[in-house]
Amino acid sequence: MGYSNVGLKDKITEMYPEIAKHGIAVSLDYSEELHSYIVKFKKGPHELTTHLDKKDADACMDGFQCVYLGVQIGEFIKNFEEREKGR
């Protein structure tokens, strides 16, 4: 399946509206070596880097949510919210 990094990023933010709701920046690049996308989530000083396998990215583009990615996003939001409350 052919799609751009921007297309995949847009699809991820569409499928996981909590990203925009919490003002999280998303960037990604494809790693030929790992055959996966390196996805980075950032909000203020908080950052999470995770991998999205090519087959999971393809499924995402076909409209299927990736459970692993959803869990990572949820944990990231939970962690930065807890740290912000602790200040």
C-alpha atoms as a PDB file:
ATOM      1  CA  MET A   1       0.000   0.000   0.000  1.00  0.00           C
ATOM      2  CA  GLY A   2       1.364   3.395  -0.922  1.00  0.00           C
ATOM      3  CA  TYR A   3       0.874   6.382   1.356  1.00  0.00           C
ATOM      4  CA  SER A   4       2.966   9.228   2.659  1.00  0.00           C
ATOM      5  CA  ASN A   5       4.226   9.871   6.172  1.00  0.00           C
ATOM      6  CA  VAL A   6       1.885  12.871   6.305  1.00  0.00           C
ATOM      7  CA  GLY A   7      -1.045  10.673   5.263  1.00  0.00           C
ATOM      8  CA  LEU A   8      -0.265   8.159   8.007  1.00  0.00           C
ATOM      9  CA  LYS A   9       0.189  10.897  10.605  1.00  0.00           C
ATOM     10  CA  ASP A  10      -3.154  12.431   9.603  1.00  0.00           C
ATOM     11  CA  LYS A  11      -4.848   9.030   9.825  1.00  0.00           C
ATOM     12  CA  ILE A  12      -3.398   8.376  13.308  1.00  0.00           C
ATOM     13  CA  THR A  13      -4.589  11.767  14.579  1.00  0.00           C
ATOM     14  CA  GLU A  14      -8.003  11.146  13.011  1.00  0.00           C
ATOM     15  CA  MET A  15      -8.335   7.705  14.636  1.00  0.00           C
ATOM     16  CA  TYR A  16      -7.098   8.876  18.027  1.00  0.00           C
ATOM     17  CA  PRO A  17      -8.802  12.249  18.685  1.00  0.00           C
ATOM     18  CA  GLU A  18      -7.297  12.397  22.180  1.00  0.00           C
ATOM     19  CA  ILE A  19      -4.020  13.411  20.492  1.00  0.00           C
ATOM     20  CA  ALA A  20      -5.482  16.745  19.350  1.00  0.00           C
ATOM     21  CA  LYS A  21      -7.622  17.084  22.477  1.00  0.00           C
ATOM     22  CA  HIS A  22      -4.478  17.089  24.630  1.00  0.00           C
ATOM     23  CA  GLY A  23      -2.365  19.158  22.220  1.00  0.00           C
ATOM     24  CA  ILE A  24       0.129  16.378  21.544  1.00  0.00           C
ATOM     25  CA  ALA A  25       2.511  16.847  18.611  1.00  0.00           C
ATOM     26  CA  VAL A  26       3.081  13.797  16.418  1.00  0.00           C
ATOM     27  CA  SER A  27       5.964  13.097  14.074  1.00  0.00           C
ATOM     28  CA  LEU A  28       7.002   9.944  12.294  1.00  0.00           C
ATOM     29  CA  ASP A  29       9.604   8.564   9.955  1.00  0.00           C
ATOM     30  CA  TYR A  30       9.948   5.207   8.248  1.00  0.00           C
ATOM     31  CA  SER A  31      12.960   3.083   9.181  1.00  0.00           C
ATOM     32  CA  GLU A  32      14.035   0.810   6.339  1.00  0.00           C
ATOM     33  CA  GLU A  33      16.289  -1.039   8.782  1.00  0.00           C
ATOM     34  CA  LEU A  34      13.437  -1.846  11.192  1.00  0.00           C
ATOM     35  CA  HIS A  35      10.679  -2.076   8.543  1.00  0.00           C
ATOM     36  CA  SER A  36       8.546   0.084  10.810  1.00  0.00           C
ATOM     37  CA  TYR A  37       7.612   3.660  11.494  1.00  0.00           C
ATOM     38  CA  ILE A  38       9.247   5.487  14.373  1.00  0.00           C
ATOM     39  CA  VAL A  39       6.427   7.528  15.907  1.00  0.00           C
ATOM     40  CA  LYS A  40       7.136  10.351  18.353  1.00  0.00           C
ATOM     41  CA  PHE A  41       4.568  12.000  20.591  1.00  0.00           C
ATOM     42  CA  LYS A  42       5.522  15.206  22.367  1.00  0.00           C
ATOM     43  CA  LYS A  43       3.812  17.579  24.758  1.00  0.00           C
ATOM     44  CA  GLY A  44       5.974  20.168  26.461  1.00  0.00           C
ATOM     45  CA  PRO A  45       8.937  18.407  28.049  1.00  0.00           C
ATOM     46  CA  HIS A  46       7.247  14.995  27.772  1.00  0.00           C
ATOM     47  CA  GLU A  47       8.120  12.735  24.858  1.00  0.00           C
ATOM     48  CA  LEU A  48       7.337   9.161  23.845  1.00  0.00           C
ATOM     49  CA  THR A  49       8.961   7.296  20.971  1.00  0.00           C
ATOM     50  CA  THR A  50       7.401   4.056  19.786  1.00  0.00           C
ATOM     51  CA  HIS A  51       7.424   1.809  16.721  1.00  0.00           C
ATOM     52  CA  LEU A  52       4.557   1.018  14.379  1.00  0.00           C
ATOM     53  CA  ASP A  53       5.171  -2.027  12.190  1.00  0.00           C
ATOM     54  CA  LYS A  54       4.511  -1.591   8.486  1.00  0.00           C
ATOM     55  CA  LYS A  55       1.639  -4.105   8.564  1.00  0.00           C
ATOM     56  CA  ASP A  56       0.028  -2.220  11.474  1.00  0.00           C
ATOM     57  CA  ALA A  57       0.486   1.069   9.605  1.00  0.00           C
ATOM     58  CA  ASP A  58      -1.165  -0.495   6.553  1.00  0.00           C
ATOM     59  CA  ALA A  59      -4.080  -1.656   8.725  1.00  0.00           C
ATOM     60  CA  CYS A  60      -4.338   1.823  10.231  1.00  0.00           C
ATOM     61  CA  MET A  61      -4.594   3.329   6.758  1.00  0.00           C
ATOM     62  CA  ASP A  62      -7.380   0.808   6.029  1.00  0.00           C
ATOM     63  CA  GLY A  63      -9.311   2.130   9.039  1.00  0.00           C
ATOM     64  CA  PHE A  64      -8.354  -0.426  11.684  1.00  0.00           C
ATOM     65  CA  GLN A  65      -7.118   0.956  14.983  1.00  0.00           C
ATOM     66  CA  CYS A  66      -3.867  -0.435  16.258  1.00  0.00           C
ATOM     67  CA  VAL A  67      -4.417  -1.591  19.831  1.00  0.00           C
ATOM     68  CA  TYR A  68      -0.716  -1.325  20.678  1.00  0.00           C
ATOM     69  CA  LEU A  69      -0.531   2.271  19.461  1.00  0.00           C
ATOM     70  CA  GLY A  70      -3.749   3.169  21.287  1.00  0.00           C
ATOM     71  CA  VAL A  71      -2.334   1.775  24.539  1.00  0.00           C
ATOM     72  CA  GLN A  72       0.889   3.751  24.032  1.00  0.00           C
ATOM     73  CA  ILE A  73      -1.070   6.969  23.455  1.00  0.00           C
ATOM     74  CA  GLY A  74      -3.220   6.317  26.528  1.00  0.00           C
ATOM     75  CA  GLU A  75      -0.194   5.677  28.734  1.00  0.00           C
ATOM     76  CA  PHE A  76       1.561   8.788  27.450  1.00  0.00           C
ATOM     77  CA  ILE A  77      -1.464  10.953  28.239  1.00  0.00           C
ATOM     78  CA  LYS A  78      -1.842   9.387  31.684  1.00  0.00           C
ATOM     79  CA  ASN A  79       1.842   9.855  32.499  1.00  0.00           C
ATOM     80  CA  PHE A  80       2.111  13.514  31.493  1.00  0.00           C
ATOM     81  CA  GLU A  81      -1.188  14.348  33.238  1.00  0.00           C
ATOM     82  CA  GLU A  82       0.091  12.755  36.465  1.00  0.00           C
ATOM     83  CA  ARG A  83       3.366  14.656  36.225  1.00  0.00           C
ATOM     84  CA  GLU A  84       1.541  17.929  35.577  1.00  0.00           C
ATOM     85  CA  LYS A  85      -0.670  17.372  38.649  1.00  0.00           C
ATOM     86  CA  GLY A  86       2.410  16.621  40.752  1.00  0.00           C
ATOM     87  CA  ARG A  87       4.022  20.008  40.072  1.00  0.00           C
END
